[in-house]
Amino acid sequence: MIPFVVEDRCQSGLSALPSVLEHDVGPRDPAFREALMPLTSSVLPAATWDLVRIYRSTKDLSYRFKILRLLFDEADPELESFFAEAYSRERYLDMKIAALRAKSSSAV
């Protein structure tokens, strides 16, 4: 397993994601999975829109569910449209409910 160091780049406006996720490494690459799955909410809010970009571009259910769970407690009102999009995109009930709950909590 390759160790990934998440640098704190919030001050410069750059993403706080590991560099593997910022480049054109495909989601089928094992390094992509190893970088995304251990992420915690500590990378938010600096990486919010990068995670939205990854969510929209991937077809892997486990990646999309992980990103939904990361963004679930984010208090950005602009994410309400993202959660509406996620609700309409997902077909599995647990992912639909997660998107719906996040949308309703961001609307309040």
Protein backbone atom coordinates (compact mmCIF):
# COMPACT_ATOMS: atom_id res chain seq x y z
CA MET A 1 0.00 0.00 0.00
CA ILE A 2 1.34 3.37 -1.03
CA PRO A 3 1.19 6.00 1.72
CA PHE A 4 -0.48 9.23 0.70
CA VAL A 5 0.19 12.46 2.50
CA VAL A 6 -2.64 14.95 2.42
CA GLU A 7 -1.00 18.33 2.50
CA ASP A 8 -2.81 21.26 4.01
CA ARG A 9 -3.14 23.53 1.00
CA CYS A 10 -6.30 25.32 2.09
CA GLN A 11 -4.37 28.55 2.54
CA SER A 12 -3.36 28.74 -1.12
CA GLY A 13 -6.83 27.86 -2.42
CA LEU A 14 -5.76 24.54 -3.87
CA SER A 15 -7.43 21.25 -3.11
CA ALA A 16 -6.59 19.28 0.00
CA LEU A 17 -6.97 15.99 -1.85
CA PRO A 18 -4.07 13.64 -2.49
CA SER A 19 -2.31 14.41 -5.76
CA VAL A 20 -3.47 11.10 -7.27
CA LEU A 21 -7.07 12.31 -7.19
CA GLU A 22 -6.24 15.66 -8.76
CA HIS A 23 -4.64 14.27 -11.91
CA ASP A 24 -6.02 12.27 -14.78
CA VAL A 25 -5.55 8.93 -13.04
CA GLY A 26 -8.51 6.74 -13.85
CA PRO A 27 -10.83 5.32 -11.22
CA ARG A 28 -9.74 1.80 -12.18
CA ASP A 29 -6.22 2.53 -10.99
CA PRO A 30 -5.57 0.95 -7.57
CA ALA A 31 -3.80 4.12 -6.44
CA PHE A 32 -7.03 6.05 -7.03
CA ARG A 33 -8.95 3.71 -4.71
CA GLU A 34 -6.20 3.78 -2.09
CA ALA A 35 -6.29 7.58 -2.11
CA LEU A 36 -10.08 8.02 -2.02
CA MET A 37 -11.28 5.41 0.44
CA PRO A 38 -9.36 6.53 3.58
CA LEU A 39 -10.42 10.19 3.18
CA THR A 40 -12.20 11.74 6.12
CA SER A 41 -14.12 14.96 6.51
CA SER A 42 -10.88 16.71 7.46
CA VAL A 43 -10.27 17.46 3.75
CA LEU A 44 -13.50 19.47 3.62
CA PRO A 45 -14.40 22.22 2.74
CA ALA A 46 -11.28 22.76 0.65
CA ALA A 47 -11.92 19.64 -1.45
CA THR A 48 -15.71 19.86 -1.72
CA TRP A 49 -15.92 20.76 -5.39
CA ASP A 50 -13.14 18.34 -6.35
CA LEU A 51 -15.17 15.56 -4.72
CA VAL A 52 -18.26 16.70 -6.63
CA ARG A 53 -16.24 16.54 -9.86
CA ILE A 54 -15.09 12.99 -9.05
CA TYR A 55 -18.66 11.98 -8.13
CA ARG A 56 -20.01 13.23 -11.46
CA SER A 57 -17.30 11.53 -13.50
CA THR A 58 -17.24 8.08 -11.90
CA LYS A 59 -19.54 5.12 -12.36
CA ASP A 60 -18.22 3.12 -9.41
CA LEU A 61 -20.88 2.80 -6.70
CA SER A 62 -18.43 2.55 -3.84
CA TYR A 63 -16.72 5.82 -4.87
CA ARG A 64 -20.02 7.64 -5.23
CA PHE A 65 -21.28 6.36 -1.87
CA LYS A 66 -18.05 7.36 -0.15
CA ILE A 67 -18.28 10.87 -1.61
CA LEU A 68 -21.95 11.18 -0.60
CA ARG A 69 -21.07 10.21 2.96
CA LEU A 70 -18.18 12.70 3.03
CA LEU A 71 -20.34 15.56 1.78
CA PHE A 72 -23.34 14.60 3.91
CA ASP A 73 -22.56 16.93 6.82
CA GLU A 74 -21.08 19.76 4.75
CA ALA A 75 -23.00 22.98 5.41
CA ASP A 76 -22.59 24.58 1.98
CA PRO A 77 -25.98 25.74 0.61
CA GLU A 78 -24.65 25.45 -2.94
CA LEU A 79 -24.51 21.67 -2.47
CA GLU A 80 -28.31 21.46 -2.45
CA SER A 81 -28.42 21.18 -6.26
CA PHE A 82 -25.68 18.54 -6.13
CA PHE A 83 -27.71 16.42 -3.71
CA ALA A 84 -30.80 16.81 -5.90
CA GLU A 85 -28.73 15.58 -8.84
CA ALA A 86 -27.38 12.70 -6.75
CA TYR A 87 -30.90 11.73 -5.69
CA SER A 88 -32.08 11.53 -9.29
CA ARG A 89 -28.94 9.68 -10.42
CA GLU A 90 -28.87 6.92 -7.83
CA ARG A 91 -31.04 3.85 -8.13
CA TYR A 92 -30.16 2.09 -4.89
CA LEU A 93 -32.36 3.03 -1.97
CA ASP A 94 -29.60 3.63 0.59
CA MET A 95 -27.82 6.06 -1.72
CA LYS A 96 -31.09 7.81 -2.62
CA ILE A 97 -31.92 8.23 1.07
CA ALA A 98 -28.43 9.57 1.84
CA ALA A 99 -28.74 12.15 -0.95
CA LEU A 100 -32.27 13.10 0.13
CA ARG A 101 -31.29 13.51 3.79
CA ALA A 102 -28.27 15.60 2.84
CA LYS A 103 -30.41 17.77 0.55
CA SER A 104 -32.99 18.34 3.25
CA SER A 105 -30.36 19.18 5.88
CA SER A 106 -28.61 21.64 3.54
CA ALA A 107 -31.93 23.38 2.81
CA VAL A 108 -32.49 24.21 6.49
